[in-house]
C-alpha atoms as a PDB file:
ATOM      1  CA  UNK A   1     -18.690   2.922 -13.744  1.00  0.00           C
ATOM      2  CA  UNK A   2     -18.096   6.121 -11.634  1.00  0.00           C
ATOM      3  CA  UNK A   3     -14.865   6.914 -10.045  1.00  0.00           C
ATOM      4  CA  UNK A   4     -16.309   6.283  -6.812  1.00  0.00           C
ATOM      5  CA  UNK A   5     -17.366   2.626  -7.820  1.00  0.00           C
ATOM      6  CA  UNK A   6     -13.782   2.275  -9.376  1.00  0.00           C
ATOM      7  CA  UNK A   7     -12.071   3.218  -6.205  1.00  0.00           C
ATOM      8  CA  UNK A   8     -14.229   0.888  -3.915  1.00  0.00           C
ATOM      9  CA  UNK A   9     -13.557  -1.851  -6.420  1.00  0.00           C
ATOM     10  CA  UNK A  10      -9.845  -1.346  -6.282  1.00  0.00           C
ATOM     11  CA  UNK A  11      -9.771  -1.550  -2.706  1.00  0.00           C
ATOM     12  CA  UNK A  12     -11.731  -4.690  -2.686  1.00  0.00           C
ATOM     13  CA  UNK A  13      -9.390  -6.252  -5.328  1.00  0.00           C
ATOM     14  CA  UNK A  14      -6.428  -5.039  -3.399  1.00  0.00           C
ATOM     15  CA  UNK A  15      -7.450  -6.808  -0.237  1.00  0.00           C
ATOM     16  CA  UNK A  16      -8.678 -10.061  -2.210  1.00  0.00           C
ATOM     17  CA  UNK A  17      -5.425 -10.309  -4.141  1.00  0.00           C
ATOM     18  CA  UNK A  18      -3.422 -11.040  -0.960  1.00  0.00           C
ATOM     19  CA  UNK A  19      -5.794 -14.071  -0.276  1.00  0.00           C
ATOM     20  CA  UNK A  20      -5.187 -15.217  -3.796  1.00  0.00           C
ATOM     21  CA  UNK A  21      -1.247 -14.442  -3.702  1.00  0.00           C
ATOM     22  CA  UNK A  22      -1.894 -12.408  -6.846  1.00  0.00           C
ATOM     23  CA  UNK A  23       0.995  -9.907  -6.786  1.00  0.00           C
ATOM     24  CA  UNK A  24       0.495  -8.898 -10.575  1.00  0.00           C
ATOM     25  CA  UNK A  25      -3.167  -7.857  -9.593  1.00  0.00           C
ATOM     26  CA  UNK A  26      -1.949  -5.845  -6.759  1.00  0.00           C
ATOM     27  CA  UNK A  27       0.634  -3.841  -8.886  1.00  0.00           C
ATOM     28  CA  UNK A  28      -2.090  -3.478 -11.601  1.00  0.00           C
ATOM     29  CA  UNK A  29      -3.991  -1.480  -9.324  1.00  0.00           C
ATOM     30  CA  UNK A  30      -1.461   1.271  -9.190  1.00  0.00           C
ATOM     31  CA  UNK A  31      -0.659   4.162 -11.715  1.00  0.00           C
ATOM     32  CA  UNK A  32       2.959   4.219 -13.076  1.00  0.00           C
ATOM     33  CA  UNK A  33       3.806   7.213 -11.356  1.00  0.00           C
ATOM     34  CA  UNK A  34       2.827   5.885  -7.843  1.00  0.00           C
ATOM     35  CA  UNK A  35       4.413   5.945  -4.466  1.00  0.00           C
ATOM     36  CA  UNK A  36       3.520   4.349  -0.986  1.00  0.00           C
ATOM     37  CA  UNK A  37       4.457   5.202   2.511  1.00  0.00           C
ATOM     38  CA  UNK A  38       3.863   2.167   4.828  1.00  0.00           C
ATOM     39  CA  UNK A  39       4.050   2.752   7.498  1.00  0.00           C
ATOM     40  CA  UNK A  40       3.707   6.638   7.582  1.00  0.00           C
ATOM     41  CA  UNK A  41       7.151   8.045   8.558  1.00  0.00           C
ATOM     42  CA  UNK A  42       9.134   5.520   6.714  1.00  0.00           C
ATOM     43  CA  UNK A  43      10.933   6.041   3.475  1.00  0.00           C
ATOM     44  CA  UNK A  44       8.512   6.274   0.330  1.00  0.00           C
ATOM     45  CA  UNK A  45       8.601   3.384  -2.270  1.00  0.00           C
ATOM     46  CA  UNK A  46       8.435   4.965  -5.569  1.00  0.00           C
ATOM     47  CA  UNK A  47       7.445   3.271  -8.752  1.00  0.00           C
ATOM     48  CA  UNK A  48       6.101  -0.204  -9.590  1.00  0.00           C
ATOM     49  CA  UNK A  49       9.231  -2.099  -9.347  1.00  0.00           C
ATOM     50  CA  UNK A  50       9.816  -0.795  -5.597  1.00  0.00           C
ATOM     51  CA  UNK A  51       6.166  -1.876  -4.932  1.00  0.00           C
ATOM     52  CA  UNK A  52       6.566  -5.089  -6.482  1.00  0.00           C
ATOM     53  CA  UNK A  53       9.450  -5.759  -4.091  1.00  0.00           C
ATOM     54  CA  UNK A  54       7.715  -4.541  -1.097  1.00  0.00           C
ATOM     55  CA  UNK A  55       4.271  -6.472  -1.657  1.00  0.00           C
ATOM     56  CA  UNK A  56       6.209  -9.534  -2.562  1.00  0.00           C
ATOM     57  CA  UNK A  57       7.529  -9.635   1.158  1.00  0.00           C
ATOM     58  CA  UNK A  58       3.772  -9.544   2.101  1.00  0.00           C
ATOM     59  CA  UNK A  59       2.664 -12.313  -0.143  1.00  0.00           C
ATOM     60  CA  UNK A  60       5.664 -14.558   0.929  1.00  0.00           C
ATOM     61  CA  UNK A  61       4.634 -14.147   4.544  1.00  0.00           C
ATOM     62  CA  UNK A  62       1.043 -15.339   3.792  1.00  0.00           C
ATOM     63  CA  UNK A  63      -0.641 -11.860   4.550  1.00  0.00           C
ATOM     64  CA  UNK A  64      -4.409 -11.773   4.547  1.00  0.00           C
ATOM     65  CA  UNK A  65      -6.408  -8.574   4.756  1.00  0.00           C
ATOM     66  CA  UNK A  66     -10.158  -7.887   5.521  1.00  0.00           C
ATOM     67  CA  UNK A  67     -12.014  -4.696   5.840  1.00  0.00           C
ATOM     68  CA  UNK A  68     -12.980  -3.570   9.381  1.00  0.00           C
ATOM     69  CA  UNK A  69     -14.820  -0.483   8.286  1.00  0.00           C
ATOM     70  CA  UNK A  70     -16.786   0.719   5.232  1.00  0.00           C
ATOM     71  CA  UNK A  71     -14.579   2.433   2.723  1.00  0.00           C
ATOM     72  CA  UNK A  72     -14.786   6.269   2.808  1.00  0.00           C
ATOM     73  CA  UNK A  73     -14.433   8.104  -0.659  1.00  0.00           C
ATOM     74  CA  UNK A  74     -14.367  11.634  -1.156  1.00  0.00           C
ATOM     75  CA  UNK A  75     -13.491  13.001  -4.541  1.00  0.00           C
ATOM     76  CA  UNK A  76     -10.544  11.019  -5.634  1.00  0.00           C
ATOM     77  CA  UNK A  77      -9.314   9.677  -2.202  1.00  0.00           C
ATOM     78  CA  UNK A  78     -10.367   7.081   0.025  1.00  0.00           C
ATOM     79  CA  UNK A  79      -9.618   5.763   3.373  1.00  0.00           C
ATOM     80  CA  UNK A  80     -10.326   2.422   5.119  1.00  0.00           C
ATOM     81  CA  UNK A  81      -9.587   0.496   8.230  1.00  0.00           C
ATOM     82  CA  UNK A  82      -8.613  -3.154   7.746  1.00  0.00           C
ATOM     83  CA  UNK A  83      -6.904  -5.931   9.415  1.00  0.00           C
ATOM     84  CA  UNK A  84      -3.792  -7.931   8.245  1.00  0.00           C
ATOM     85  CA  UNK A  85      -3.159 -11.474   9.528  1.00  0.00           C
ATOM     86  CA  UNK A  86      -0.230 -13.512   9.062  1.00  0.00           C
ATOM     87  CA  UNK A  87       0.425 -16.937  10.481  1.00  0.00           C
ATOM     88  CA  UNK A  88       3.761 -17.507  12.470  1.00  0.00           C
ATOM     89  CA  UNK A  89       5.092 -20.437  14.417  1.00  0.00           C
ATOM     90  CA  UNK A  90       3.565 -18.828  17.574  1.00  0.00           C
ATOM     91  CA  UNK A  91       0.224 -18.159  16.273  1.00  0.00           C
ATOM     92  CA  UNK A  92      -1.535 -15.424  14.107  1.00  0.00           C
ATOM     93  CA  UNK A  93       0.104 -11.903  14.174  1.00  0.00           C
ATOM     94  CA  UNK A  94      -2.342  -9.171  13.278  1.00  0.00           C
ATOM     95  CA  UNK A  95      -1.897  -5.568  12.179  1.00  0.00           C
ATOM     96  CA  UNK A  96      -4.759  -2.988  12.069  1.00  0.00           C
ATOM     97  CA  UNK A  97      -3.850   0.016   9.620  1.00  0.00           C
ATOM     98  CA  UNK A  98      -5.908   2.675   8.147  1.00  0.00           C
ATOM     99  CA  UNK A  99      -4.925   3.184   4.590  1.00  0.00           C
ATOM    100  CA  UNK A 100      -5.298   6.511   2.871  1.00  0.00           C
ATOM    101  CA  UNK A 101      -5.175   6.404  -0.972  1.00  0.00           C
ATOM    102  CA  UNK A 102      -5.520   8.949  -3.893  1.00  0.00           C
ATOM    103  CA  UNK A 103      -6.534   7.824  -7.277  1.00  0.00           C
ATOM    104  CA  UNK A 104      -6.229   9.118 -10.853  1.00  0.00           C
ATOM    105  CA  UNK A 105      -9.360   9.596 -13.293  1.00  0.00           C
ATOM    106  CA  UNK A 106      -8.848   6.035 -14.387  1.00  0.00           C
ATOM    107  CA  UNK A 107      -9.128   4.493 -10.843  1.00  0.00           C
ATOM    108  CA  UNK A 108      -5.581   3.724 -10.523  1.00  0.00           C
ATOM    109  CA  UNK A 109      -3.844   4.177  -7.193  1.00  0.00           C
ATOM    110  CA  UNK A 110      -1.280   7.213  -7.224  1.00  0.00           C
ATOM    111  CA  UNK A 111      -0.485   7.245  -3.567  1.00  0.00           C
ATOM    112  CA  UNK A 112      -1.107   5.075  -0.314  1.00  0.00           C
ATOM    113  CA  UNK A 113      -0.068   5.868   3.023  1.00  0.00           C
ATOM    114  CA  UNK A 114      -0.647   3.329   5.684  1.00  0.00           C
ATOM    115  CA  UNK A 115      -1.188   4.633   9.433  1.00  0.00           C
ATOM    116  CA  UNK A 116      -0.195   2.106  12.003  1.00  0.00           C
ATOM    117  CA  UNK A 117       2.295   1.652  14.892  1.00  0.00           C
ATOM    118  CA  UNK A 118       3.205  -0.878  17.658  1.00  0.00           C
ATOM    119  CA  UNK A 119      -0.253  -0.082  19.401  1.00  0.00           C
ATOM    120  CA  UNK A 120      -1.999  -1.439  16.275  1.00  0.00           C
ATOM    121  CA  UNK A 121      -0.280  -4.918  16.214  1.00  0.00           C
ATOM    122  CA  UNK A 122       0.342  -7.972  18.100  1.00  0.00           C
ATOM    123  CA  UNK A 123      -0.274 -11.652  18.528  1.00  0.00           C
ATOM    124  CA  UNK A 124      -3.934 -13.025  18.630  1.00  0.00           C
END
């Protein structure tokens, strides 16, 4: 499998794992020396323990993600637009981020930055 194929597979697994509520599958996609910045401008979460805490919140809220564009891959980097939906007592709340990720040679995510703000979220 080429690096590009590994990257696209990782992104699809990333989104599918929310649907399955599979926290371990999400964390396994990341390299040991990883960090995320979600959203961009907030403090980085560094290492798998910090990521586990962050993603557990999303799983607990019932987050479901789906691609809204094709995955763009250049070298060891990828970007993709997607939609996150979560149900609340008032209906479905959606956020539409664009994630930018870097990957190591094994196809593990080393960094993730999520670009979104108030204009990219709201009730459906």
